[in-house]
Protein backbone atom coordinates (compact mmCIF):
# COMPACT_ATOMS: atom_id res chain seq x y z
CA UNK A 1 54.53 -135.84 154.90
CA UNK A 2 56.25 -135.11 152.55
CA UNK A 3 54.36 -138.33 149.75
CA UNK A 4 50.74 -138.02 151.21
CA UNK A 5 49.73 -138.89 148.51
CA UNK A 6 52.35 -141.63 148.11
CA UNK A 7 50.76 -143.20 151.27
CA UNK A 8 47.10 -142.55 150.43
CA UNK A 9 47.87 -144.79 147.25
CA UNK A 10 49.45 -147.80 149.99
CA UNK A 11 46.20 -148.05 151.96
CA UNK A 12 43.86 -147.92 149.15
CA UNK A 13 45.30 -150.87 147.53
CA UNK A 14 46.20 -152.63 150.85
CA UNK A 15 42.25 -151.61 151.84
CA UNK A 16 41.32 -153.83 148.47
CA UNK A 17 43.10 -156.21 149.44
CA UNK A 18 41.00 -156.36 152.83
CA UNK A 19 38.51 -159.42 151.27
CA UNK A 20 38.37 -162.24 153.14
CA UNK A 21 37.17 -160.70 156.81
CA UNK A 22 36.84 -156.46 155.63
CA UNK A 23 35.66 -155.21 158.77
CA UNK A 24 39.02 -156.54 161.10
CA UNK A 25 41.37 -155.83 158.19
CA UNK A 26 40.15 -152.37 157.10
CA UNK A 27 40.82 -151.97 160.24
CA UNK A 28 44.23 -153.61 160.72
CA UNK A 29 44.54 -151.30 157.65
CA UNK A 30 43.68 -148.22 159.53
CA UNK A 31 46.33 -148.74 162.13
CA UNK A 32 49.00 -149.89 159.93
CA UNK A 33 48.83 -146.60 157.76
CA UNK A 34 48.20 -143.92 160.63
CA UNK A 35 50.93 -145.90 162.34
CA UNK A 36 53.84 -145.03 159.13
CA UNK A 37 52.63 -142.25 158.80
CA UNK A 38 53.17 -141.19 162.19
CA UNK A 39 56.72 -142.23 162.25
CA UNK A 40 58.36 -140.43 159.61
CA UNK A 41 56.44 -137.37 160.52
CA UNK A 42 58.97 -138.13 163.31
CA UNK A 43 61.81 -139.19 161.05
CA UNK A 44 60.86 -136.32 158.81
CA UNK A 45 60.78 -133.21 161.69
CA UNK A 46 63.55 -134.68 164.77
CA UNK A 47 66.80 -135.98 164.60
CA UNK A 48 66.64 -139.70 164.77
CA UNK A 49 69.60 -141.03 166.09
CA UNK A 50 67.78 -139.57 169.74
CA UNK A 51 64.48 -140.96 168.85
CA UNK A 52 63.95 -143.87 171.16
CA UNK A 53 61.26 -146.11 169.95
CA UNK A 54 61.04 -148.26 172.77
CA UNK A 55 61.59 -149.02 176.36
CA UNK A 56 64.00 -151.97 175.61
CA UNK A 57 65.75 -150.71 172.48
CA UNK A 58 69.40 -151.21 173.40
CA UNK A 59 68.28 -154.83 173.53
CA UNK A 60 66.65 -155.31 170.80
CA UNK A 61 69.65 -153.37 169.10
CA UNK A 62 72.34 -155.17 170.81
CA UNK A 63 70.21 -158.86 169.60
CA UNK A 64 69.03 -157.74 166.03
CA UNK A 65 72.71 -157.03 165.23
CA UNK A 66 74.04 -160.41 166.65
CA UNK A 67 71.71 -162.17 165.07
CA UNK A 68 71.77 -160.64 161.47
CA UNK A 69 75.95 -158.45 161.88
CA UNK A 70 76.13 -158.41 158.00
CA UNK A 71 71.91 -156.76 157.10
CA UNK A 72 72.09 -153.93 155.08
CA UNK A 73 69.30 -151.77 156.42
CA UNK A 74 69.67 -149.04 154.55
CA UNK A 75 68.13 -150.81 151.87
CA UNK A 76 66.61 -153.80 152.36
CA UNK A 77 65.69 -156.98 149.93
CA UNK A 78 62.39 -157.93 150.77
CA UNK A 79 63.10 -162.14 150.79
CA UNK A 80 65.53 -160.50 152.99
CA UNK A 81 62.81 -160.87 155.89
CA UNK A 82 60.43 -162.78 153.31
CA UNK A 83 61.51 -166.20 152.51
CA UNK A 84 61.83 -168.85 153.82
CA UNK A 85 65.05 -168.98 154.95
CA UNK A 86 64.45 -165.55 156.26
CA UNK A 87 61.46 -166.38 158.12
CA UNK A 88 63.53 -168.58 160.16
CA UNK A 89 66.19 -166.65 161.00
CA UNK A 90 63.43 -164.19 162.22
CA UNK A 91 61.65 -166.45 164.15
CA UNK A 92 63.04 -166.71 167.16
CA UNK A 93 64.58 -163.22 167.15
CA UNK A 94 60.97 -161.92 167.02
CA UNK A 95 59.94 -164.78 169.32
CA UNK A 96 62.28 -163.49 172.27
CA UNK A 97 60.28 -160.17 172.90
CA UNK A 98 57.05 -161.82 173.47
CA UNK A 99 55.76 -160.32 175.98
CA UNK A 100 58.80 -157.42 176.48
CA UNK A 101 56.76 -155.29 173.10
CA UNK A 102 54.09 -155.01 173.23
CA UNK A 103 51.95 -156.87 169.44
CA UNK A 104 54.89 -158.39 168.86
CA UNK A 105 54.19 -159.95 165.77
CA UNK A 106 51.36 -157.22 165.04
CA UNK A 107 51.50 -156.39 160.73
CA UNK A 108 53.01 -153.03 160.61
CA UNK A 109 55.24 -151.10 157.36
CA UNK A 110 58.62 -150.74 156.26
CA UNK A 111 60.30 -149.05 154.36
CA UNK A 112 62.91 -151.70 152.07
CA UNK A 113 65.01 -148.29 151.32
CA UNK A 114 64.85 -145.46 153.73
CA UNK A 115 66.02 -142.69 151.95
CA UNK A 116 63.07 -143.16 150.22
CA UNK A 117 58.95 -142.53 151.22
CA UNK A 118 56.15 -145.45 152.07
CA UNK A 119 55.20 -145.89 148.41
CA UNK A 120 53.25 -149.67 146.95
CA UNK A 121 57.05 -150.25 145.46
CA UNK A 122 59.14 -149.50 148.62
CA UNK A 123 57.23 -150.79 151.43
CA UNK A 124 57.01 -154.01 152.45
CA UNK A 125 55.19 -155.70 155.74
CA UNK A 126 57.21 -156.77 158.95
CA UNK A 127 56.26 -158.06 162.12
CA UNK A 128 56.35 -155.21 164.89
CA UNK A 129 59.29 -156.56 166.20
CA UNK A 130 61.64 -156.40 163.25
CA UNK A 131 60.58 -152.64 162.52
CA UNK A 132 61.93 -151.24 166.28
CA UNK A 133 64.44 -153.32 165.11
CA UNK A 134 65.77 -152.33 161.19
CA UNK A 135 64.45 -148.90 162.53
CA UNK A 136 66.38 -148.43 166.36
CA UNK A 137 70.15 -149.98 163.83
CA UNK A 138 68.88 -146.92 161.00
CA UNK A 139 68.37 -144.88 163.88
CA UNK A 140 71.57 -145.98 164.96
CA UNK A 141 73.72 -146.11 161.80
CA UNK A 142 72.33 -142.39 161.11
CA UNK A 143 70.86 -144.42 157.23
CA UNK A 144 67.39 -142.12 158.24
CA UNK A 145 69.81 -139.05 158.93
CA UNK A 146 68.70 -138.33 155.26
CA UNK A 147 65.10 -138.61 155.23
CA UNK A 148 65.56 -135.51 158.34
CA UNK A 149 67.88 -133.56 156.78
CA UNK A 150 65.68 -133.51 153.38
CA UNK A 151 62.67 -132.29 155.27
CA UNK A 152 64.41 -129.37 157.65
CA UNK A 153 66.00 -128.56 154.45
CA UNK A 154 62.66 -127.84 152.87
CA UNK A 155 61.80 -126.13 155.49
């Protein structure tokens, strides 16, 4: 990963926030960190338009764009996922994938600006199905191509 220091700093912040159930929270943070690292390495080394993240990519993408037609996936505003109004819009979308997408409501790290790496300022928590919906859209719509091309030209 190009910015392992940034991701390590983000991981450190997550771990410091784990005060209620430290062991469980640290295990979750490690899994989320690993997922973010693997995904970023994937879009850095494989042309994102060819990636298939789940068996249900087509269904997730079409349902996502029906529900969130105007959402700018290139540069997200945290309120578009976290505000009370946004949560009401996202809930039916996410719940339709219960039992279809493994750990559909599991916490995952999501980049706000898809042209940048995972950093403390560029990362929020989202559900796994939100992550899939947004990243599938970014891949299909060409927004993650910037990461792929920048890593490719650096090689």
